[in-house]
Amino acid sequence: MKLPESELRVFALRLLESVGDESREGSRSAERVLKRACGRRPRA
């Protein structure tokens, strides 16, 4: 599943928002997942 970068950013912000309120540990793992996903994205 490939997303445009703008959609990926919106998704990332929503994910961090939804997790950030509950626990900082959760947002840290979310950031890790996002970095991994961004790293896998082929470069234009």
N, C-alpha and C. Protein backbone atom coordinates (compact mmCIF):
# COMPACT_ATOMS: atom_id res chain seq x y z
N MET A 1 0.85 -1.20 0.00
CA MET A 1 0.00 0.00 0.00
C MET A 1 0.88 1.25 0.00
N LYS A 2 0.77 2.05 -1.04
CA LYS A 2 1.59 3.25 -1.12
C LYS A 2 0.72 4.49 -0.94
N LEU A 3 1.20 5.40 -0.11
CA LEU A 3 0.46 6.64 0.13
C LEU A 3 1.29 7.83 -0.33
N PRO A 4 0.63 8.85 -0.84
CA PRO A 4 1.35 10.10 -1.12
C PRO A 4 1.91 10.66 0.18
N GLU A 5 3.01 11.39 0.09
CA GLU A 5 3.67 11.87 1.29
C GLU A 5 2.76 12.74 2.15
N SER A 6 1.90 13.55 1.51
CA SER A 6 1.00 14.42 2.27
C SER A 6 0.02 13.58 3.10
N GLU A 7 -0.50 12.51 2.50
CA GLU A 7 -1.43 11.65 3.25
C GLU A 7 -0.71 10.94 4.37
N LEU A 8 0.53 10.53 4.12
CA LEU A 8 1.32 9.86 5.14
C LEU A 8 1.53 10.79 6.33
N ARG A 9 1.79 12.07 6.04
CA ARG A 9 2.01 13.04 7.09
C ARG A 9 0.75 13.24 7.94
N VAL A 10 -0.39 13.35 7.27
CA VAL A 10 -1.66 13.52 7.98
C VAL A 10 -1.93 12.31 8.87
N PHE A 11 -1.68 11.12 8.31
CA PHE A 11 -1.86 9.89 9.07
C PHE A 11 -0.94 9.87 10.29
N ALA A 12 0.30 10.29 10.08
CA ALA A 12 1.27 10.30 11.17
C ALA A 12 0.82 11.24 12.28
N LEU A 13 0.36 12.42 11.90
CA LEU A 13 -0.09 13.40 12.91
C LEU A 13 -1.28 12.86 13.68
N ARG A 14 -2.22 12.24 12.99
CA ARG A 14 -3.40 11.68 13.67
C ARG A 14 -2.99 10.58 14.63
N LEU A 15 -2.06 9.74 14.17
CA LEU A 15 -1.59 8.63 14.99
C LEU A 15 -0.91 9.15 16.25
N LEU A 16 -0.03 10.12 16.08
CA LEU A 16 0.68 10.67 17.23
C LEU A 16 -0.28 11.38 18.18
N GLU A 17 -1.28 12.07 17.62
CA GLU A 17 -2.27 12.74 18.46
C GLU A 17 -3.05 11.74 19.30
N SER A 18 -3.52 10.68 18.64
CA SER A 18 -4.37 9.72 19.34
C SER A 18 -3.59 8.97 20.40
N VAL A 19 -2.30 8.78 20.16
CA VAL A 19 -1.48 8.01 21.11
C VAL A 19 -0.87 8.92 22.18
N GLY A 20 -0.51 10.14 21.78
CA GLY A 20 0.22 11.05 22.66
C GLY A 20 -0.50 11.34 23.97
N ASP A 21 -1.83 11.44 23.92
CA ASP A 21 -2.59 11.75 25.12
C ASP A 21 -2.53 10.59 26.12
N GLU A 22 -2.47 9.37 25.58
CA GLU A 22 -2.54 8.21 26.46
C GLU A 22 -1.20 7.91 27.13
N SER A 23 -0.12 7.92 26.34
CA SER A 23 1.18 7.62 26.93
C SER A 23 2.32 8.06 26.03
N ARG A 24 3.38 8.54 26.65
CA ARG A 24 4.53 8.95 25.86
C ARG A 24 5.24 7.74 25.27
N GLU A 25 5.20 6.65 25.98
CA GLU A 25 5.82 5.41 25.47
C GLU A 25 5.18 5.03 24.14
N GLY A 26 3.85 5.17 24.07
CA GLY A 26 3.13 4.83 22.85
C GLY A 26 3.54 5.70 21.68
N SER A 27 3.70 7.01 21.93
CA SER A 27 4.07 7.89 20.83
C SER A 27 5.49 7.60 20.37
N ARG A 28 6.34 7.17 21.30
CA ARG A 28 7.70 6.83 20.91
C ARG A 28 7.71 5.63 19.97
N SER A 29 6.90 4.61 20.29
CA SER A 29 6.87 3.43 19.42
C SER A 29 6.22 3.79 18.09
N ALA A 30 5.25 4.70 18.11
CA ALA A 30 4.61 5.14 16.87
C ALA A 30 5.63 5.83 15.97
N GLU A 31 6.48 6.66 16.58
CA GLU A 31 7.51 7.34 15.79
C GLU A 31 8.47 6.34 15.17
N ARG A 32 8.79 5.30 15.94
CA ARG A 32 9.70 4.28 15.43
C ARG A 32 9.09 3.59 14.21
N VAL A 33 7.79 3.26 14.32
CA VAL A 33 7.10 2.60 13.21
C VAL A 33 7.08 3.51 11.99
N LEU A 34 6.83 4.81 12.21
CA LEU A 34 6.76 5.74 11.10
C LEU A 34 8.12 5.90 10.42
N LYS A 35 9.18 5.96 11.23
CA LYS A 35 10.51 6.09 10.65
C LYS A 35 10.83 4.87 9.79
N ARG A 36 10.42 3.69 10.28
CA ARG A 36 10.66 2.47 9.53
C ARG A 36 9.88 2.51 8.21
N ALA A 37 8.62 2.96 8.28
CA ALA A 37 7.78 3.01 7.08
C ALA A 37 8.34 4.02 6.07
N CYS A 38 8.82 5.15 6.57
CA CYS A 38 9.37 6.18 5.68
C CYS A 38 10.67 5.69 5.06
N GLY A 39 11.45 4.96 5.82
CA GLY A 39 12.72 4.45 5.31
C GLY A 39 12.52 3.45 4.18
N ARG A 40 11.41 2.72 4.23
CA ARG A 40 11.14 1.72 3.21
C ARG A 40 10.61 2.35 1.93
N ARG A 41 10.09 3.56 2.04
CA ARG A 41 9.52 4.22 0.87
C ARG A 41 10.59 4.46 -0.18
N PRO A 42 10.34 4.06 -1.44
CA PRO A 42 11.34 4.29 -2.49
C PRO A 42 11.53 5.77 -2.73
N ARG A 43 12.77 6.17 -2.96
CA ARG A 43 13.04 7.60 -3.16
C ARG A 43 12.80 7.97 -4.61
N ALA A 44 12.18 9.12 -4.81
CA ALA A 44 11.86 9.56 -6.17
C ALA A 44 13.13 9.99 -6.91
